[in-house]
Protein backbone atom coordinates (compact mmCIF):
# COMPACT_ATOMS: atom_id res chain seq x y z
CA MET A 1 -7.59 11.77 -14.30
CA ILE A 2 -7.48 12.26 -10.53
CA GLN A 3 -7.93 9.18 -8.38
CA ASN A 4 -6.75 7.43 -5.24
CA LEU A 5 -6.93 3.64 -5.00
CA HIS A 6 -5.57 3.12 -1.48
CA THR A 7 -8.37 4.17 0.88
CA HIS A 8 -9.34 2.89 4.32
CA VAL A 9 -12.68 3.51 6.01
CA THR A 10 -14.53 2.57 9.19
CA PHE A 11 -14.83 -1.06 8.13
CA CYS A 12 -11.14 -1.36 9.13
CA ASP A 13 -8.90 1.37 10.59
CA GLY A 14 -10.12 4.42 8.69
CA LYS A 15 -11.70 7.40 10.43
CA ASN A 16 -14.50 8.04 7.94
CA THR A 17 -17.38 6.07 6.48
CA PRO A 18 -17.26 5.16 2.80
CA GLU A 19 -19.94 7.74 2.00
CA GLU A 20 -18.01 10.47 3.79
CA MET A 21 -15.02 9.57 1.64
CA VAL A 22 -17.17 9.78 -1.48
CA HIS A 23 -18.42 13.24 -0.53
CA ALA A 24 -14.84 14.40 0.05
CA ALA A 25 -13.71 13.00 -3.30
CA ILE A 26 -16.51 14.82 -5.10
CA ARG A 27 -15.61 18.09 -3.35
CA MET A 28 -12.00 17.59 -4.51
CA ASP A 29 -13.18 17.08 -8.12
CA MET A 30 -11.71 13.59 -8.21
CA ASP A 31 -12.60 11.37 -11.16
CA ALA A 32 -12.45 8.06 -9.31
CA LEU A 33 -12.06 6.60 -5.84
CA GLY A 34 -10.99 3.08 -4.97
CA PHE A 35 -11.72 1.54 -1.58
CA SER A 36 -9.17 -0.94 -0.22
CA SER A 37 -10.06 -1.96 3.32
CA HIS A 38 -7.71 -4.39 5.05
CA ALA A 39 -8.59 -8.04 4.52
CA PRO A 40 -9.16 -10.19 7.62
CA LEU A 41 -6.04 -11.51 9.31
CA ALA A 42 -6.16 -14.06 12.13
CA GLY A 43 -4.96 -12.75 15.48
CA GLN A 44 -5.10 -9.12 14.37
CA SER A 45 -7.81 -6.68 15.41
CA GLY A 46 -8.38 -2.96 15.23
CA TRP A 47 -6.85 -2.47 11.80
CA THR A 48 -8.33 -5.30 9.73
CA MET A 49 -11.88 -6.25 8.81
CA SER A 50 -13.42 -9.26 10.48
CA PRO A 51 -14.71 -12.03 8.19
CA GLU A 52 -18.24 -10.84 9.04
CA ASP A 53 -17.37 -7.30 7.91
CA VAL A 54 -16.42 -8.30 4.37
CA PRO A 55 -19.91 -8.86 2.88
CA ARG A 56 -21.18 -5.65 4.52
CA TYR A 57 -18.19 -3.75 3.13
CA ARG A 58 -18.77 -5.11 -0.35
CA ALA A 59 -22.47 -4.27 -0.25
CA GLU A 60 -21.85 -0.71 0.91
CA ILE A 61 -19.26 0.08 -1.75
CA LEU A 62 -21.49 -1.37 -4.47
CA ARG A 63 -24.42 0.67 -3.13
CA LEU A 64 -22.35 3.84 -3.32
CA ARG A 65 -21.18 2.98 -6.82
CA GLU A 66 -24.78 2.85 -7.99
CA ARG A 67 -25.90 5.90 -6.05
CA TYR A 68 -23.10 8.16 -7.32
CA THR A 69 -23.00 6.97 -10.91
CA GLY A 70 -22.13 9.89 -13.15
CA ARG A 71 -20.59 11.91 -10.32
CA LEU A 72 -17.69 9.69 -9.27
CA GLU A 73 -16.36 6.36 -10.50
CA ILE A 74 -16.09 4.02 -7.52
CA PHE A 75 -14.02 0.84 -7.41
CA LEU A 76 -14.31 -2.06 -4.98
CA GLY A 77 -10.85 -3.08 -3.86
CA LEU A 78 -9.14 -4.89 -1.01
CA GLU A 79 -5.74 -4.65 0.66
CA GLN A 80 -4.70 -8.27 1.01
CA ASP A 81 -1.95 -9.02 3.50
CA TYR A 82 0.59 -11.76 2.83
CA TYR A 83 -0.83 -13.77 5.74
CA SER A 84 -4.53 -13.11 5.05
CA PRO A 85 -6.66 -16.06 3.88
CA PRO A 86 -7.63 -16.11 0.18
CA SER A 87 -10.18 -13.40 -0.59
CA GLY A 88 -11.96 -14.96 -3.54
CA LYS A 89 -13.11 -13.25 -6.72
CA GLY A 90 -15.32 -10.26 -7.36
CA TRP A 91 -12.89 -7.43 -6.62
CA ASP A 92 -12.05 -4.67 -9.07
CA TYR A 93 -8.45 -4.80 -7.88
CA GLN A 94 -6.34 -5.90 -4.93
CA ILE A 95 -3.36 -4.33 -3.22
CA GLY A 96 -0.90 -6.90 -1.92
CA SER A 97 0.98 -5.78 1.19
CA VAL A 98 3.22 -7.07 3.94
CA HIS A 99 2.37 -5.62 7.35
CA CYS A 100 3.82 -8.42 9.50
CA VAL A 101 6.71 -10.86 9.46
CA GLU A 102 6.23 -14.30 11.01
CA LYS A 103 8.93 -15.40 13.42
CA GLU A 104 8.75 -18.29 15.86
CA GLY A 105 5.02 -18.58 15.34
CA ARG A 106 4.31 -14.90 15.99
CA LEU A 107 3.34 -12.13 13.57
CA LEU A 108 5.70 -9.25 14.21
CA PRO A 109 4.33 -5.84 13.13
CA VAL A 110 6.23 -3.84 10.54
CA ASP A 111 4.37 -0.55 10.80
CA TYR A 112 2.03 -0.50 13.81
CA LEU A 113 3.99 1.52 16.39
CA PRO A 114 7.72 2.36 16.44
CA GLU A 115 8.21 0.89 19.91
CA ASP A 116 6.60 -2.39 18.84
CA PHE A 117 8.81 -2.57 15.77
CA VAL A 118 12.00 -1.97 17.74
CA ARG A 119 10.96 -4.40 20.48
CA SER A 120 10.23 -7.14 17.97
CA VAL A 121 13.61 -6.78 16.25
CA ARG A 122 15.46 -6.83 19.55
CA GLN A 123 13.54 -9.81 20.94
CA TYR A 124 13.36 -12.03 17.86
CA TYR A 125 16.36 -10.88 15.77
CA GLY A 126 18.85 -9.91 18.46
CA GLY A 127 18.64 -6.31 17.31
CA ASP A 128 19.65 -7.15 13.74
CA PHE A 129 17.37 -4.87 11.72
CA LEU A 130 18.94 -6.02 8.47
CA ALA A 131 17.97 -9.63 9.18
CA PHE A 132 14.41 -8.45 9.75
CA ALA A 133 14.60 -6.51 6.47
CA GLU A 134 15.77 -9.62 4.63
CA ASP A 135 12.81 -11.61 5.90
CA TYR A 136 10.46 -8.72 5.09
CA TYR A 137 11.64 -8.38 1.49
CA ARG A 138 11.42 -12.12 0.91
CA LEU A 139 7.71 -11.81 1.63
CA VAL A 140 7.32 -8.66 -0.46
CA GLY A 141 8.98 -10.36 -3.41
CA ALA A 142 6.44 -13.18 -3.19
CA ILE A 143 3.34 -11.02 -2.62
CA ALA A 144 2.11 -11.13 -6.22
CA GLU A 145 2.34 -14.93 -6.33
CA ARG A 146 0.73 -15.20 -2.92
CA THR A 147 -2.23 -12.83 -3.43
CA GLY A 148 -2.67 -12.36 -7.18
CA CYS A 149 -2.67 -8.61 -6.55
CA GLN A 150 -2.51 -5.97 -9.27
CA ILE A 151 -0.81 -3.37 -7.03
CA VAL A 152 2.01 -3.87 -4.52
CA GLY A 153 1.55 -1.66 -1.47
CA HIS A 154 4.22 0.57 0.11
CA PHE A 155 7.21 -1.48 -1.11
CA ASP A 156 9.66 -0.30 1.58
CA LEU A 157 7.16 -0.01 4.44
CA ILE A 158 9.88 -1.32 6.74
CA THR A 159 11.42 2.18 6.63
CA LYS A 160 8.33 3.86 8.11
CA PHE A 161 10.09 4.54 11.43
CA ASN A 162 13.58 4.87 9.93
CA GLU A 163 13.62 8.51 8.82
CA GLY A 164 17.23 9.54 8.29
CA ASP A 165 18.33 5.90 8.71
CA SER A 166 17.89 6.31 12.47
CA LEU A 167 17.49 2.55 13.06
CA PHE A 168 19.33 0.87 10.17
CA ASP A 169 21.36 1.75 7.09
CA THR A 170 19.29 1.52 3.90
CA GLY A 171 22.51 1.79 1.93
CA HIS A 172 23.98 -1.36 3.48
CA PRO A 173 24.67 -4.09 0.90
CA ARG A 174 22.45 -6.57 2.75
CA TYR A 175 19.50 -4.19 2.67
CA VAL A 176 20.01 -3.20 -0.95
CA SER A 177 20.41 -6.80 -2.07
CA ALA A 178 17.22 -7.90 -0.29
CA ALA A 179 15.19 -5.05 -1.80
CA LEU A 180 16.50 -5.55 -5.34
CA GLU A 181 15.87 -9.29 -5.20
CA ALA A 182 12.25 -8.53 -4.29
CA LEU A 183 11.95 -6.12 -7.23
CA ASP A 184 13.43 -8.70 -9.60
CA ARG A 185 10.83 -11.23 -8.50
CA LEU A 186 7.95 -8.75 -8.76
CA ALA A 187 9.08 -7.70 -12.23
CA GLN A 188 8.20 -11.19 -13.47
CA HIS A 189 4.51 -10.63 -12.67
CA GLY A 190 3.68 -7.31 -14.33
CA VAL A 191 2.39 -5.73 -11.12
CA ILE A 192 2.06 -2.01 -10.40
CA LEU A 193 4.03 -0.55 -7.49
CA GLU A 194 2.57 2.42 -5.70
CA ILE A 195 4.20 5.67 -4.71
CA ASN A 196 2.55 6.01 -1.32
CA THR A 197 2.30 9.20 0.75
CA GLY A 198 0.58 7.65 3.78
CA ALA A 199 3.48 7.85 6.23
CA MET A 200 3.93 11.51 5.30
CA SER A 201 0.35 12.37 6.22
CA ARG A 202 0.83 10.65 9.58
CA GLY A 203 4.07 12.50 10.32
CA TYR A 204 6.52 9.60 10.14
CA ARG A 205 8.23 10.42 6.84
CA SER A 206 9.09 13.54 4.89
CA THR A 207 9.09 11.71 1.54
CA PRO A 208 6.88 9.04 -0.04
CA TYR A 209 7.50 5.32 -0.27
CA PRO A 210 9.58 4.04 -1.98
CA ALA A 211 12.96 5.72 -1.53
CA PRO A 212 14.38 7.37 -4.68
CA ALA A 213 17.08 4.70 -5.16
CA LEU A 214 14.42 1.98 -5.15
CA LEU A 215 12.15 3.98 -7.42
CA ARG A 216 14.98 4.30 -9.95
CA ALA A 217 15.56 0.55 -9.69
CA MET A 218 11.86 0.02 -10.38
CA ARG A 219 12.11 2.22 -13.46
CA GLU A 220 15.12 0.25 -14.70
CA ARG A 221 13.00 -2.91 -14.44
CA ASP A 222 10.06 -1.30 -16.30
CA LEU A 223 7.80 -1.68 -13.28
CA PRO A 224 4.77 0.64 -13.63
CA ILE A 225 3.62 2.90 -10.81
CA CYS A 226 0.50 4.50 -9.43
CA ILE A 227 0.30 7.29 -6.86
CA THR A 228 -1.78 6.71 -3.74
CA SER A 229 -2.24 8.36 -0.36
CA ASP A 230 -3.00 5.26 1.76
CA CYS A 231 -5.80 7.44 3.06
CA HIS A 232 -7.27 6.87 6.54
CA ASP A 233 -8.83 10.34 6.80
CA ARG A 234 -10.89 12.08 4.12
CA ALA A 235 -8.72 15.19 4.40
CA ASN A 236 -5.77 13.19 3.05
CA LEU A 237 -7.28 11.68 -0.09
CA LEU A 238 -4.76 13.49 -2.30
CA PHE A 239 -2.08 14.16 0.30
CA ALA A 240 1.26 15.29 -1.22
CA PHE A 241 0.35 14.05 -4.71
CA PRO A 242 2.36 16.86 -6.39
CA GLN A 243 5.44 15.85 -4.38
CA ALA A 244 4.92 12.21 -5.34
CA GLU A 245 4.55 13.14 -9.02
CA GLU A 246 7.75 15.19 -8.91
CA LEU A 247 9.60 12.29 -7.26
CA ALA A 248 8.38 9.96 -10.01
CA ARG A 249 9.52 12.32 -12.76
CA SER A 250 12.92 12.83 -11.11
CA CYS A 251 13.42 9.05 -11.17
CA GLY A 252 12.61 8.72 -14.86
CA TYR A 253 8.87 8.07 -14.92
CA ARG A 254 6.67 9.92 -17.38
CA GLU A 255 3.39 8.11 -16.78
CA GLN A 256 1.47 6.31 -14.09
CA MET A 257 -1.29 3.72 -14.19
CA ALA A 258 -4.91 4.64 -13.54
CA LEU A 259 -7.86 2.32 -13.07
CA THR A 260 -10.84 2.64 -15.41
CA SER A 261 -13.90 0.53 -16.10
CA GLN A 262 -11.81 -1.12 -18.84
CA GLY A 263 -8.91 -1.88 -16.49
CA PHE A 264 -5.60 -0.16 -15.83
CA VAL A 265 -4.37 2.34 -18.41
CA PRO A 266 -1.29 4.61 -18.51
CA ILE A 267 -1.80 8.34 -18.11
CA PRO A 268 0.82 11.13 -18.23
CA LEU A 269 2.36 12.40 -15.02
């Protein structure tokens, strides 16, 4: 079963329309495609949907589901940020993610641009990247309770611009403790954590999220996984999936979760 559940289109910050994504998925012989446009978020523009976009987005995905019945299974999803307003019911699934950290009344971006990330940490945390990481992981640990999501997005997104630990030490006890505490909290909610290749396709990382040490910690806590590409361009619907599968196997996983019309089911890696 070949599918990707983390897909962004022109309703938010994706490059392609939903139908263009569907055509690409069919050409790639995919079994299913899940759309997960960014939920509205006050004060943010360019990468999220507006409240007015949401009903149009829903209608278009449902139209495509009907039109392509029998050729591709299509799921209506949403990527719900920690700070987004409640999204209501009627979604096939939701991805809960943390893209910003609130500090002194401002939403500081985690993954927008490297210079913005560094500037925020210097201005609001005195350059203490580990303090920023602690605040970030507190939010990640609470994302399932906050959003009711089934999937947790890019668990260690904070490392997007930290290839080779260029900004902070991911082996530091403060960082490790913050990340493991978040995993412990998430493990209480039966959520799925994704192996996400999005930063690889955009040239920021050479390996998927999460880092191998965190993926092994997830396995120790019996947290299930799914593999996604966080796709913003139809060419990247299945970007680096073989590498992600090999990473999962090397960390002890033998199956991942796939979404079907009956819900999530395990399938072999």
